[in-house]
Amino acid sequence: MNDAQRNAFKVASGNADPAMLSKLFIGALLALLILWVGWGFVHVYRGYAARHVTEQALVRFAIRSVLLIIIGIYLFAS
């Protein structure tokens, strides 16, 4: 952004720095992603404990969840 755009953004956002807001939204996105994965692990484990979910499905969910978090961190936090 050039100086005019940066000043317009600060006026419109209540004098907030764009870099700070970017970090805030990225942190919120990653926190939401980690909470969603945790919620999914709880439900998959409950299904596994009640023998409604196979071990293969549990492992697939774990691999997909870890990959989702790694890709999210790579894309948004790097």
PDB file of N, CA and C in Angstrom:
ATOM      1  N   MET A   1       0.840  -1.179   0.000  1.00  0.00           N
ATOM      2  CA  MET A   1       0.000   0.000   0.000  1.00  0.00           C
ATOM      3  C   MET A   1       0.887   1.245   0.000  1.00  0.00           C
ATOM      4  N   ASN A   2       0.400   2.260  -0.681  1.00  0.00           N
ATOM      5  CA  ASN A   2       1.139   3.521  -0.627  1.00  0.00           C
ATOM      6  C   ASN A   2       0.674   4.326   0.589  1.00  0.00           C
ATOM      7  N   ASP A   3       1.261   5.477   0.797  1.00  0.00           N
ATOM      8  CA  ASP A   3       0.964   6.264   2.003  1.00  0.00           C
ATOM      9  C   ASP A   3      -0.490   6.715   2.060  1.00  0.00           C
ATOM     10  N   ALA A   4      -1.057   7.087   0.922  1.00  0.00           N
ATOM     11  CA  ALA A   4      -2.453   7.536   0.905  1.00  0.00           C
ATOM     12  C   ALA A   4      -3.389   6.393   1.289  1.00  0.00           C
ATOM     13  N   GLN A   5      -3.138   5.211   0.769  1.00  0.00           N
ATOM     14  CA  GLN A   5      -3.968   4.055   1.100  1.00  0.00           C
ATOM     15  C   GLN A   5      -3.815   3.679   2.568  1.00  0.00           C
ATOM     16  N   ARG A   6      -2.577   3.721   3.068  1.00  0.00           N
ATOM     17  CA  ARG A   6      -2.330   3.383   4.468  1.00  0.00           C
ATOM     18  C   ARG A   6      -3.048   4.369   5.395  1.00  0.00           C
ATOM     19  N   ASN A   7      -2.988   5.651   5.075  1.00  0.00           N
ATOM     20  CA  ASN A   7      -3.672   6.661   5.889  1.00  0.00           C
ATOM     21  C   ASN A   7      -5.182   6.493   5.828  1.00  0.00           C
ATOM     22  N   ALA A   8      -5.721   6.200   4.642  1.00  0.00           N
ATOM     23  CA  ALA A   8      -7.159   5.977   4.510  1.00  0.00           C
ATOM     24  C   ALA A   8      -7.589   4.750   5.312  1.00  0.00           C
ATOM     25  N   PHE A   9      -6.776   3.711   5.303  1.00  0.00           N
ATOM     26  CA  PHE A   9      -7.098   2.512   6.076  1.00  0.00           C
ATOM     27  C   PHE A   9      -7.104   2.817   7.565  1.00  0.00           C
ATOM     28  N   LYS A  10      -6.109   3.557   8.022  1.00  0.00           N
ATOM     29  CA  LYS A  10      -6.037   3.893   9.449  1.00  0.00           C
ATOM     30  C   LYS A  10      -7.225   4.739   9.878  1.00  0.00           C
ATOM     31  N   VAL A  11      -7.645   5.685   9.033  1.00  0.00           N
ATOM     32  CA  VAL A  11      -8.804   6.520   9.368  1.00  0.00           C
ATOM     33  C   VAL A  11     -10.070   5.667   9.420  1.00  0.00           C
ATOM     34  N   ALA A  12     -10.242   4.772   8.448  1.00  0.00           N
ATOM     35  CA  ALA A  12     -11.457   3.958   8.382  1.00  0.00           C
ATOM     36  C   ALA A  12     -11.505   2.892   9.475  1.00  0.00           C
ATOM     37  N   SER A  13     -10.346   2.426   9.922  1.00  0.00           N
ATOM     38  CA  SER A  13     -10.330   1.337  10.905  1.00  0.00           C
ATOM     39  C   SER A  13     -10.102   1.815  12.332  1.00  0.00           C
ATOM     40  N   GLY A  14     -10.131   3.093  12.552  1.00  0.00           N
ATOM     41  CA  GLY A  14      -9.931   3.593  13.911  1.00  0.00           C
ATOM     42  C   GLY A  14      -8.472   3.624  14.312  1.00  0.00           C
ATOM     43  N   ASN A  15      -7.600   3.988  13.392  1.00  0.00           N
ATOM     44  CA  ASN A  15      -6.168   4.136  13.634  1.00  0.00           C
ATOM     45  C   ASN A  15      -5.469   2.805  13.941  1.00  0.00           C
ATOM     46  N   ALA A  16      -5.949   1.732  13.308  1.00  0.00           N
ATOM     47  CA  ALA A  16      -5.325   0.420  13.492  1.00  0.00           C
ATOM     48  C   ALA A  16      -4.282   0.192  12.406  1.00  0.00           C
ATOM     49  N   ASP A  17      -3.216  -0.456  12.779  1.00  0.00           N
ATOM     50  CA  ASP A  17      -2.143  -0.761  11.839  1.00  0.00           C
ATOM     51  C   ASP A  17      -2.545  -1.979  10.998  1.00  0.00           C
ATOM     52  N   PRO A  18      -2.402  -1.930   9.669  1.00  0.00           N
ATOM     53  CA  PRO A  18      -2.779  -3.071   8.829  1.00  0.00           C
ATOM     54  C   PRO A  18      -2.020  -4.352   9.179  1.00  0.00           C
ATOM     55  N   ALA A  19      -0.749  -4.252   9.519  1.00  0.00           N
ATOM     56  CA  ALA A  19       0.030  -5.452   9.857  1.00  0.00           C
ATOM     57  C   ALA A  19      -0.486  -6.096  11.140  1.00  0.00           C
ATOM     58  N   MET A  20      -0.889  -5.267  12.109  1.00  0.00           N
ATOM     59  CA  MET A  20      -1.413  -5.799  13.368  1.00  0.00           C
ATOM     60  C   MET A  20      -2.752  -6.507  13.135  1.00  0.00           C
ATOM     61  N   LEU A  21      -3.615  -5.901  12.313  1.00  0.00           N
ATOM     62  CA  LEU A  21      -4.898  -6.539  12.022  1.00  0.00           C
ATOM     63  C   LEU A  21      -4.706  -7.835  11.240  1.00  0.00           C
ATOM     64  N   SER A  22      -3.733  -7.856  10.346  1.00  0.00           N
ATOM     65  CA  SER A  22      -3.447  -9.072   9.595  1.00  0.00           C
ATOM     66  C   SER A  22      -3.031 -10.200  10.535  1.00  0.00           C
ATOM     67  N   LYS A  23      -2.137  -9.903  11.470  1.00  0.00           N
ATOM     68  CA  LYS A  23      -1.707 -10.917  12.444  1.00  0.00           C
ATOM     69  C   LYS A  23      -2.864 -11.364  13.322  1.00  0.00           C
ATOM     70  N   LEU A  24      -3.734 -10.428  13.689  1.00  0.00           N
ATOM     71  CA  LEU A  24      -4.893 -10.760  14.512  1.00  0.00           C
ATOM     72  C   LEU A  24      -5.825 -11.726  13.786  1.00  0.00           C
ATOM     73  N   PHE A  25      -6.133 -11.439  12.522  1.00  0.00           N
ATOM     74  CA  PHE A  25      -7.037 -12.304  11.770  1.00  0.00           C
ATOM     75  C   PHE A  25      -6.408 -13.656  11.455  1.00  0.00           C
ATOM     76  N   ILE A  26      -5.116 -13.682  11.161  1.00  0.00           N
ATOM     77  CA  ILE A  26      -4.441 -14.954  10.917  1.00  0.00           C
ATOM     78  C   ILE A  26      -4.416 -15.796  12.193  1.00  0.00           C
ATOM     79  N   GLY A  27      -4.153 -15.170  13.326  1.00  0.00           N
ATOM     80  CA  GLY A  27      -4.175 -15.888  14.601  1.00  0.00           C
ATOM     81  C   GLY A  27      -5.551 -16.434  14.925  1.00  0.00           C
ATOM     82  N   ALA A  28      -6.586 -15.631  14.660  1.00  0.00           N
ATOM     83  CA  ALA A  28      -7.955 -16.091  14.903  1.00  0.00           C
ATOM     84  C   ALA A  28      -8.306 -17.253  13.981  1.00  0.00           C
ATOM     85  N   LEU A  29      -7.881 -17.179  12.723  1.00  0.00           N
ATOM     86  CA  LEU A  29      -8.142 -18.262  11.780  1.00  0.00           C
ATOM     87  C   LEU A  29      -7.464 -19.552  12.220  1.00  0.00           C
ATOM     88  N   LEU A  30      -6.206 -19.467  12.608  1.00  0.00           N
ATOM     89  CA  LEU A  30      -5.489 -20.672  13.041  1.00  0.00           C
ATOM     90  C   LEU A  30      -6.052 -21.224  14.348  1.00  0.00           C
ATOM     91  N   ALA A  31      -6.459 -20.340  15.261  1.00  0.00           N
ATOM     92  CA  ALA A  31      -7.077 -20.802  16.511  1.00  0.00           C
ATOM     93  C   ALA A  31      -8.390 -21.517  16.226  1.00  0.00           C
ATOM     94  N   LEU A  32      -9.185 -20.964  15.323  1.00  0.00           N
ATOM     95  CA  LEU A  32     -10.448 -21.601  14.949  1.00  0.00           C
ATOM     96  C   LEU A  32     -10.196 -22.951  14.287  1.00  0.00           C
ATOM     97  N   LEU A  33      -9.185 -23.020  13.446  1.00  0.00           N
ATOM     98  CA  LEU A  33      -8.835 -24.273  12.786  1.00  0.00           C
ATOM     99  C   LEU A  33      -8.412 -25.331  13.806  1.00  0.00           C
ATOM    100  N   ILE A  34      -7.603 -24.954  14.770  1.00  0.00           N
ATOM    101  CA  ILE A  34      -7.153 -25.904  15.792  1.00  0.00           C
ATOM    102  C   ILE A  34      -8.315 -26.340  16.678  1.00  0.00           C
ATOM    103  N   LEU A  35      -9.213 -25.417  17.019  1.00  0.00           N
ATOM    104  CA  LEU A  35     -10.402 -25.791  17.795  1.00  0.00           C
ATOM    105  C   LEU A  35     -11.285 -26.761  17.018  1.00  0.00           C
ATOM    106  N   TRP A  36     -11.441 -26.517  15.718  1.00  0.00           N
ATOM    107  CA  TRP A  36     -12.266 -27.400  14.896  1.00  0.00           C
ATOM    108  C   TRP A  36     -11.662 -28.803  14.836  1.00  0.00           C
ATOM    109  N   VAL A  37     -10.342 -28.885  14.692  1.00  0.00           N
ATOM    110  CA  VAL A  37      -9.674 -30.188  14.654  1.00  0.00           C
ATOM    111  C   VAL A  37      -9.818 -30.888  16.004  1.00  0.00           C
ATOM    112  N   GLY A  38      -9.686 -30.147  17.095  1.00  0.00           N
ATOM    113  CA  GLY A  38      -9.876 -30.739  18.422  1.00  0.00           C
ATOM    114  C   GLY A  38     -11.280 -31.269  18.613  1.00  0.00           C
ATOM    115  N   TRP A  39     -12.267 -30.491  18.157  1.00  0.00           N
ATOM    116  CA  TRP A  39     -13.666 -30.934  18.233  1.00  0.00           C
ATOM    117  C   TRP A  39     -13.850 -32.208  17.414  1.00  0.00           C
ATOM    118  N   GLY A  40     -13.249 -32.241  16.231  1.00  0.00           N
ATOM    119  CA  GLY A  40     -13.352 -33.432  15.390  1.00  0.00           C
ATOM    120  C   GLY A  40     -12.702 -34.641  16.035  1.00  0.00           C
ATOM    121  N   PHE A  41     -11.531 -34.448  16.658  1.00  0.00           N
ATOM    122  CA  PHE A  41     -10.867 -35.561  17.336  1.00  0.00           C
ATOM    123  C   PHE A  41     -11.722 -36.109  18.476  1.00  0.00           C
ATOM    124  N   VAL A  42     -12.379 -35.231  19.221  1.00  0.00           N
ATOM    125  CA  VAL A  42     -13.242 -35.686  20.318  1.00  0.00           C
ATOM    126  C   VAL A  42     -14.369 -36.551  19.770  1.00  0.00           C
ATOM    127  N   HIS A  43     -15.013 -36.100  18.706  1.00  0.00           N
ATOM    128  CA  HIS A  43     -16.136 -36.862  18.155  1.00  0.00           C
ATOM    129  C   HIS A  43     -15.681 -38.165  17.495  1.00  0.00           C
ATOM    130  N   VAL A  44     -14.570 -38.135  16.795  1.00  0.00           N
ATOM    131  CA  VAL A  44     -14.075 -39.365  16.173  1.00  0.00           C
ATOM    132  C   VAL A  44     -13.645 -40.358  17.249  1.00  0.00           C
ATOM    133  N   TYR A  45     -13.009 -39.883  18.311  1.00  0.00           N
ATOM    134  CA  TYR A  45     -12.595 -40.790  19.381  1.00  0.00           C
ATOM    135  C   TYR A  45     -13.810 -41.395  20.088  1.00  0.00           C
ATOM    136  N   ARG A  46     -14.839 -40.577  20.311  1.00  0.00           N
ATOM    137  CA  ARG A  46     -16.055 -41.126  20.934  1.00  0.00           C
ATOM    138  C   ARG A  46     -16.672 -42.211  20.058  1.00  0.00           C
ATOM    139  N   GLY A  47     -16.691 -41.982  18.760  1.00  0.00           N
ATOM    140  CA  GLY A  47     -17.196 -43.004  17.845  1.00  0.00           C
ATOM    141  C   GLY A  47     -16.318 -44.240  17.840  1.00  0.00           C
ATOM    142  N   TYR A  48     -15.008 -44.039  17.933  1.00  0.00           N
ATOM    143  CA  TYR A  48     -14.078 -45.163  17.976  1.00  0.00           C
ATOM    144  C   TYR A  48     -14.250 -45.954  19.266  1.00  0.00           C
ATOM    145  N   ALA A  49     -14.429 -45.253  20.390  1.00  0.00           N
ATOM    146  CA  ALA A  49     -14.601 -45.929  21.678  1.00  0.00           C
ATOM    147  C   ALA A  49     -15.906 -46.716  21.716  1.00  0.00           C
ATOM    148  N   ALA A  50     -16.931 -46.212  21.028  1.00  0.00           N
ATOM    149  CA  ALA A  50     -18.215 -46.915  20.984  1.00  0.00           C
ATOM    150  C   ALA A  50     -18.267 -47.932  19.844  1.00  0.00           C
ATOM    151  N   ARG A  51     -17.171 -48.112  19.160  1.00  0.00           N
ATOM    152  CA  ARG A  51     -17.022 -49.049  18.045  1.00  0.00           C
ATOM    153  C   ARG A  51     -17.931 -48.718  16.856  1.00  0.00           C
ATOM    154  N   HIS A  52     -18.201 -47.415  16.649  1.00  0.00           N
ATOM    155  CA  HIS A  52     -18.949 -46.968  15.471  1.00  0.00           C
ATOM    156  C   HIS A  52     -18.001 -46.486  14.376  1.00  0.00           C
ATOM    157  N   VAL A  53     -16.758 -46.213  14.737  1.00  0.00           N
ATOM    158  CA  VAL A  53     -15.748 -45.733  13.794  1.00  0.00           C
ATOM    159  C   VAL A  53     -14.594 -46.729  13.802  1.00  0.00           C
ATOM    160  N   THR A  54     -14.148 -47.105  12.613  1.00  0.00           N
ATOM    161  CA  THR A  54     -13.041 -48.060  12.530  1.00  0.00           C
ATOM    162  C   THR A  54     -11.712 -47.363  12.812  1.00  0.00           C
ATOM    163  N   GLU A  55     -10.714 -48.184  13.111  1.00  0.00           N
ATOM    164  CA  GLU A  55      -9.382 -47.632  13.368  1.00  0.00           C
ATOM    165  C   GLU A  55      -8.826 -46.962  12.114  1.00  0.00           C
ATOM    166  N   GLN A  56      -9.134 -47.521  10.964  1.00  0.00           N
ATOM    167  CA  GLN A  56      -8.669 -46.943   9.707  1.00  0.00           C
ATOM    168  C   GLN A  56      -9.253 -45.540   9.501  1.00  0.00           C
ATOM    169  N   ALA A  57     -10.522 -45.349   9.821  1.00  0.00           N
ATOM    170  CA  ALA A  57     -11.140 -44.025   9.697  1.00  0.00           C
ATOM    171  C   ALA A  57     -10.541 -43.044  10.699  1.00  0.00           C
ATOM    172  N   LEU A  58     -10.224 -43.517  11.896  1.00  0.00           N
ATOM    173  CA  LEU A  58      -9.590 -42.667  12.909  1.00  0.00           C
ATOM    174  C   LEU A  58      -8.215 -42.196  12.443  1.00  0.00           C
ATOM    175  N   VAL A  59      -7.436 -43.102  11.877  1.00  0.00           N
ATOM    176  CA  VAL A  59      -6.104 -42.749  11.383  1.00  0.00           C
ATOM    177  C   VAL A  59      -6.213 -41.784  10.205  1.00  0.00           C
ATOM    178  N   ARG A  60      -7.155 -42.031   9.292  1.00  0.00           N
ATOM    179  CA  ARG A  60      -7.341 -41.117   8.156  1.00  0.00           C
ATOM    180  C   ARG A  60      -7.709 -39.723   8.632  1.00  0.00           C
ATOM    181  N   PHE A  61      -8.601 -39.628   9.632  1.00  0.00           N
ATOM    182  CA  PHE A  61      -8.978 -38.318  10.159  1.00  0.00           C
ATOM    183  C   PHE A  61      -7.782 -37.631  10.806  1.00  0.00           C
ATOM    184  N   ALA A  62      -6.974 -38.384  11.535  1.00  0.00           N
ATOM    185  CA  ALA A  62      -5.800 -37.798  12.187  1.00  0.00           C
ATOM    186  C   ALA A  62      -4.810 -37.267  11.152  1.00  0.00           C
ATOM    187  N   ILE A  63      -4.554 -38.030  10.114  1.00  0.00           N
ATOM    188  CA  ILE A  63      -3.617 -37.593   9.076  1.00  0.00           C
ATOM    189  C   ILE A  63      -4.148 -36.355   8.365  1.00  0.00           C
ATOM    190  N   ARG A  64      -5.423 -36.362   8.002  1.00  0.00           N
ATOM    191  CA  ARG A  64      -6.013 -35.206   7.320  1.00  0.00           C
ATOM    192  C   ARG A  64      -5.992 -33.969   8.206  1.00  0.00           C
ATOM    193  N   SER A  65      -6.261 -34.143   9.483  1.00  0.00           N
ATOM    194  CA  SER A  65      -6.276 -33.001  10.400  1.00  0.00           C
ATOM    195  C   SER A  65      -4.891 -32.398  10.568  1.00  0.00           C
ATOM    196  N   VAL A  66      -3.896 -33.244  10.734  1.00  0.00           N
ATOM    197  CA  VAL A  66      -2.529 -32.743  10.884  1.00  0.00           C
ATOM    198  C   VAL A  66      -2.081 -32.043   9.602  1.00  0.00           C
ATOM    199  N   LEU A  67      -2.397 -32.621   8.454  1.00  0.00           N
ATOM    200  CA  LEU A  67      -2.048 -31.974   7.191  1.00  0.00           C
ATOM    201  C   LEU A  67      -2.764 -30.640   7.030  1.00  0.00           C
ATOM    202  N   LEU A  68      -4.022 -30.571   7.438  1.00  0.00           N
ATOM    203  CA  LEU A  68      -4.776 -29.321   7.349  1.00  0.00           C
ATOM    204  C   LEU A  68      -4.133 -28.233   8.200  1.00  0.00           C
ATOM    205  N   ILE A  69      -3.721 -28.569   9.406  1.00  0.00           N
ATOM    206  CA  ILE A  69      -3.072 -27.585  10.280  1.00  0.00           C
ATOM    207  C   ILE A  69      -1.717 -27.169   9.706  1.00  0.00           C
ATOM    208  N   ILE A  70      -0.936 -28.121   9.222  1.00  0.00           N
ATOM    209  CA  ILE A  70       0.378 -27.795   8.657  1.00  0.00           C
ATOM    210  C   ILE A  70       0.231 -26.901   7.428  1.00  0.00           C
ATOM    211  N   ILE A  71      -0.699 -27.226   6.542  1.00  0.00           N
ATOM    212  CA  ILE A  71      -0.908 -26.411   5.346  1.00  0.00           C
ATOM    213  C   ILE A  71      -1.438 -25.035   5.721  1.00  0.00           C
ATOM    214  N   GLY A  72      -2.335 -24.970   6.695  1.00  0.00           N
ATOM    215  CA  GLY A  72      -2.851 -23.677   7.143  1.00  0.00           C
ATOM    216  C   GLY A  72      -1.764 -22.793   7.716  1.00  0.00           C
ATOM    217  N   ILE A  73      -0.891 -23.372   8.520  1.00  0.00           N
ATOM    218  CA  ILE A  73       0.222 -22.596   9.081  1.00  0.00           C
ATOM    219  C   ILE A  73       1.175 -22.167   7.973  1.00  0.00           C
ATOM    220  N   TYR A  74       1.455 -23.061   7.042  1.00  0.00           N
ATOM    221  CA  TYR A  74       2.366 -22.719   5.944  1.00  0.00           C
ATOM    222  C   TYR A  74       1.800 -21.590   5.080  1.00  0.00           C
ATOM    223  N   LEU A  75       0.513 -21.668   4.750  1.00  0.00           N
ATOM    224  CA  LEU A  75      -0.073 -20.672   3.858  1.00  0.00           C
ATOM    225  C   LEU A  75      -0.302 -19.327   4.530  1.00  0.00           C
ATOM    226  N   PHE A  76      -0.727 -19.335   5.781  1.00  0.00           N
ATOM    227  CA  PHE A  76      -1.157 -18.091   6.401  1.00  0.00           C
ATOM    228  C   PHE A  76      -0.141 -17.496   7.366  1.00  0.00           C
ATOM    229  N   ALA A  77       0.673 -18.309   7.997  1.00  0.00           N
ATOM    230  CA  ALA A  77       1.560 -17.783   9.038  1.00  0.00           C
ATOM    231  C   ALA A  77       3.015 -17.691   8.598  1.00  0.00           C
ATOM    232  N   SER A  78       3.287 -17.937   7.342  1.00  0.00           N
ATOM    233  CA  SER A  78       4.687 -17.850   6.911  1.00  0.00           C
ATOM    234  C   SER A  78       4.945 -16.575   6.142  1.00  0.00           C
TER     235      SER A  78
END
